Amino acid sequence: MRALRAGLDNMTQAELAEKVGVTRQTIIAIEQAKYSPSLETAFLISEALGVPLTDVVAFEPGDNA
């Protein structure tokens, strides 16, 4: 997600968080794979970044995160 933000005029974590309606700490945790966003949040992130949902989240079979 960090690379996607960088492609948008270096959108900051704070700017993305504001567009999505979450905290900057949430964006940090998602980018560090310490937190998996809800489906709604994932959709909002993909919309804010202008990319398909599959560019924001990925599911690996057996991944319990």
N, C-alpha and C. Protein backbone atom coordinates (compact mmCIF):
# COMPACT_ATOMS: atom_id res chain seq x y z
N MET A 1 0.82 -1.18 0.00
CA MET A 1 0.00 0.00 0.00
C MET A 1 0.88 1.25 0.00
N ARG A 2 2.01 1.15 0.63
CA ARG A 2 2.93 2.29 0.68
C ARG A 2 3.31 2.72 -0.74
N ALA A 3 3.60 1.76 -1.60
CA ALA A 3 3.97 2.07 -2.99
C ALA A 3 2.80 2.70 -3.74
N LEU A 4 1.60 2.25 -3.45
CA LEU A 4 0.42 2.84 -4.10
C LEU A 4 0.25 4.30 -3.68
N ARG A 5 0.47 4.57 -2.39
CA ARG A 5 0.38 5.96 -1.91
C ARG A 5 1.43 6.83 -2.58
N ALA A 6 2.64 6.30 -2.72
CA ALA A 6 3.74 7.06 -3.31
C ALA A 6 3.43 7.43 -4.75
N GLY A 7 2.69 6.58 -5.44
CA GLY A 7 2.31 6.86 -6.81
C GLY A 7 1.28 7.96 -6.95
N LEU A 8 0.72 8.39 -5.85
CA LEU A 8 -0.30 9.44 -5.86
C LEU A 8 0.26 10.72 -5.24
N ASP A 9 1.25 11.27 -5.89
CA ASP A 9 1.88 12.50 -5.41
C ASP A 9 2.34 12.37 -3.96
N ASN A 10 2.88 11.20 -3.63
CA ASN A 10 3.37 10.94 -2.28
C ASN A 10 2.32 11.21 -1.21
N MET A 11 1.12 10.66 -1.41
CA MET A 11 0.06 10.79 -0.41
C MET A 11 0.59 10.29 0.93
N THR A 12 0.39 11.03 1.97
CA THR A 12 0.86 10.62 3.29
C THR A 12 -0.11 9.63 3.92
N GLN A 13 0.38 8.96 4.94
CA GLN A 13 -0.49 8.06 5.70
C GLN A 13 -1.64 8.84 6.31
N ALA A 14 -1.36 10.03 6.79
CA ALA A 14 -2.41 10.86 7.40
C ALA A 14 -3.47 11.25 6.38
N GLU A 15 -3.05 11.58 5.17
CA GLU A 15 -4.01 11.95 4.12
C GLU A 15 -4.89 10.77 3.75
N LEU A 16 -4.29 9.59 3.61
CA LEU A 16 -5.07 8.41 3.29
C LEU A 16 -6.03 8.09 4.44
N ALA A 17 -5.54 8.16 5.65
CA ALA A 17 -6.38 7.89 6.82
C ALA A 17 -7.58 8.81 6.84
N GLU A 18 -7.36 10.08 6.55
CA GLU A 18 -8.47 11.04 6.55
C GLU A 18 -9.50 10.70 5.48
N LYS A 19 -9.03 10.34 4.29
CA LYS A 19 -9.94 9.99 3.19
C LYS A 19 -10.76 8.74 3.52
N VAL A 20 -10.14 7.81 4.24
CA VAL A 20 -10.78 6.54 4.54
C VAL A 20 -11.63 6.62 5.81
N GLY A 21 -11.27 7.53 6.71
CA GLY A 21 -12.01 7.66 7.95
C GLY A 21 -11.48 6.78 9.06
N VAL A 22 -10.16 6.54 9.02
CA VAL A 22 -9.50 5.77 10.07
C VAL A 22 -8.34 6.60 10.60
N THR A 23 -7.65 6.07 11.60
CA THR A 23 -6.50 6.79 12.14
C THR A 23 -5.24 6.49 11.33
N ARG A 24 -4.27 7.34 11.46
CA ARG A 24 -2.97 7.11 10.81
C ARG A 24 -2.35 5.82 11.33
N GLN A 25 -2.56 5.53 12.61
CA GLN A 25 -2.02 4.32 13.20
C GLN A 25 -2.61 3.08 12.54
N THR A 26 -3.86 3.15 12.13
CA THR A 26 -4.49 2.03 11.42
C THR A 26 -3.82 1.80 10.08
N ILE A 27 -3.54 2.88 9.35
CA ILE A 27 -2.86 2.77 8.06
C ILE A 27 -1.47 2.18 8.26
N ILE A 28 -0.76 2.63 9.28
CA ILE A 28 0.57 2.09 9.58
C ILE A 28 0.47 0.58 9.83
N ALA A 29 -0.47 0.17 10.65
CA ALA A 29 -0.62 -1.25 10.98
C ALA A 29 -0.96 -2.08 9.75
N ILE A 30 -1.79 -1.56 8.87
CA ILE A 30 -2.13 -2.28 7.64
C ILE A 30 -0.90 -2.41 6.76
N GLU A 31 -0.16 -1.32 6.61
CA GLU A 31 1.04 -1.34 5.77
C GLU A 31 2.10 -2.29 6.31
N GLN A 32 2.16 -2.46 7.61
CA GLN A 32 3.14 -3.35 8.23
C GLN A 32 2.61 -4.78 8.39
N ALA A 33 1.43 -5.03 7.82
CA ALA A 33 0.78 -6.35 7.89
C ALA A 33 0.55 -6.81 9.33
N LYS A 34 0.33 -5.85 10.22
CA LYS A 34 0.02 -6.18 11.61
C LYS A 34 -1.49 -6.17 11.85
N TYR A 35 -2.23 -5.70 10.85
CA TYR A 35 -3.68 -5.58 10.96
C TYR A 35 -4.28 -5.79 9.59
N SER A 36 -5.35 -6.57 9.53
CA SER A 36 -6.08 -6.77 8.28
C SER A 36 -7.32 -5.89 8.33
N PRO A 37 -7.50 -5.03 7.33
CA PRO A 37 -8.65 -4.13 7.35
C PRO A 37 -9.95 -4.89 7.14
N SER A 38 -11.03 -4.31 7.63
CA SER A 38 -12.35 -4.87 7.35
C SER A 38 -12.59 -4.74 5.85
N LEU A 39 -13.56 -5.45 5.34
CA LEU A 39 -13.88 -5.37 3.92
C LEU A 39 -14.28 -3.94 3.55
N GLU A 40 -15.06 -3.30 4.39
CA GLU A 40 -15.47 -1.92 4.13
C GLU A 40 -14.26 -0.99 4.06
N THR A 41 -13.34 -1.12 4.99
CA THR A 41 -12.15 -0.28 4.99
C THR A 41 -11.30 -0.56 3.77
N ALA A 42 -11.17 -1.83 3.40
CA ALA A 42 -10.40 -2.18 2.20
C ALA A 42 -11.01 -1.54 0.96
N PHE A 43 -12.33 -1.56 0.84
CA PHE A 43 -12.99 -0.91 -0.29
C PHE A 43 -12.73 0.59 -0.29
N LEU A 44 -12.80 1.21 0.88
CA LEU A 44 -12.56 2.65 0.97
C LEU A 44 -11.12 2.99 0.60
N ILE A 45 -10.18 2.16 1.01
CA ILE A 45 -8.77 2.39 0.66
C ILE A 45 -8.60 2.27 -0.84
N SER A 46 -9.18 1.24 -1.45
CA SER A 46 -9.02 1.07 -2.89
C SER A 46 -9.64 2.24 -3.64
N GLU A 47 -10.75 2.74 -3.16
CA GLU A 47 -11.39 3.91 -3.78
C GLU A 47 -10.51 5.14 -3.63
N ALA A 48 -9.96 5.35 -2.45
CA ALA A 48 -9.13 6.53 -2.19
C ALA A 48 -7.86 6.50 -3.04
N LEU A 49 -7.33 5.29 -3.27
CA LEU A 49 -6.11 5.16 -4.04
C LEU A 49 -6.37 5.01 -5.54
N GLY A 50 -7.65 4.78 -5.90
CA GLY A 50 -8.01 4.63 -7.30
C GLY A 50 -7.47 3.35 -7.93
N VAL A 51 -7.47 2.28 -7.12
CA VAL A 51 -6.96 1.00 -7.61
C VAL A 51 -7.99 -0.09 -7.30
N PRO A 52 -7.89 -1.23 -8.00
CA PRO A 52 -8.80 -2.34 -7.69
C PRO A 52 -8.57 -2.86 -6.26
N LEU A 53 -9.61 -3.43 -5.70
CA LEU A 53 -9.53 -3.97 -4.35
C LEU A 53 -8.40 -4.99 -4.22
N THR A 54 -8.17 -5.77 -5.25
CA THR A 54 -7.13 -6.80 -5.20
C THR A 54 -5.73 -6.20 -5.11
N ASP A 55 -5.57 -4.93 -5.43
CA ASP A 55 -4.28 -4.26 -5.26
C ASP A 55 -4.04 -3.86 -3.80
N VAL A 56 -5.11 -3.81 -3.04
CA VAL A 56 -5.03 -3.37 -1.65
C VAL A 56 -4.88 -4.55 -0.70
N VAL A 57 -5.63 -5.61 -0.94
CA VAL A 57 -5.60 -6.78 -0.08
C VAL A 57 -5.37 -8.03 -0.89
N ALA A 58 -4.78 -9.00 -0.28
CA ALA A 58 -4.58 -10.29 -0.93
C ALA A 58 -4.87 -11.38 0.10
N PHE A 59 -5.39 -12.46 -0.38
CA PHE A 59 -5.68 -13.59 0.51
C PHE A 59 -4.87 -14.78 0.06
N GLU A 60 -4.16 -15.35 0.98
CA GLU A 60 -3.40 -16.57 0.73
C GLU A 60 -4.09 -17.69 1.48
N PRO A 61 -4.45 -18.77 0.78
CA PRO A 61 -5.08 -19.90 1.48
C PRO A 61 -4.24 -20.34 2.67
N GLY A 62 -4.90 -20.56 3.78
CA GLY A 62 -4.18 -20.96 4.99
C GLY A 62 -3.69 -19.77 5.79
N ASP A 63 -3.90 -18.57 5.28
CA ASP A 63 -3.48 -17.34 5.99
C ASP A 63 -4.55 -17.00 7.01
N ASN A 64 -4.21 -17.10 8.27
CA ASN A 64 -5.17 -16.84 9.34
C ASN A 64 -5.07 -15.44 9.89
N ALA A 65 -4.36 -14.55 9.23
CA ALA A 65 -4.16 -13.19 9.75
C ALA A 65 -5.40 -12.36 9.62
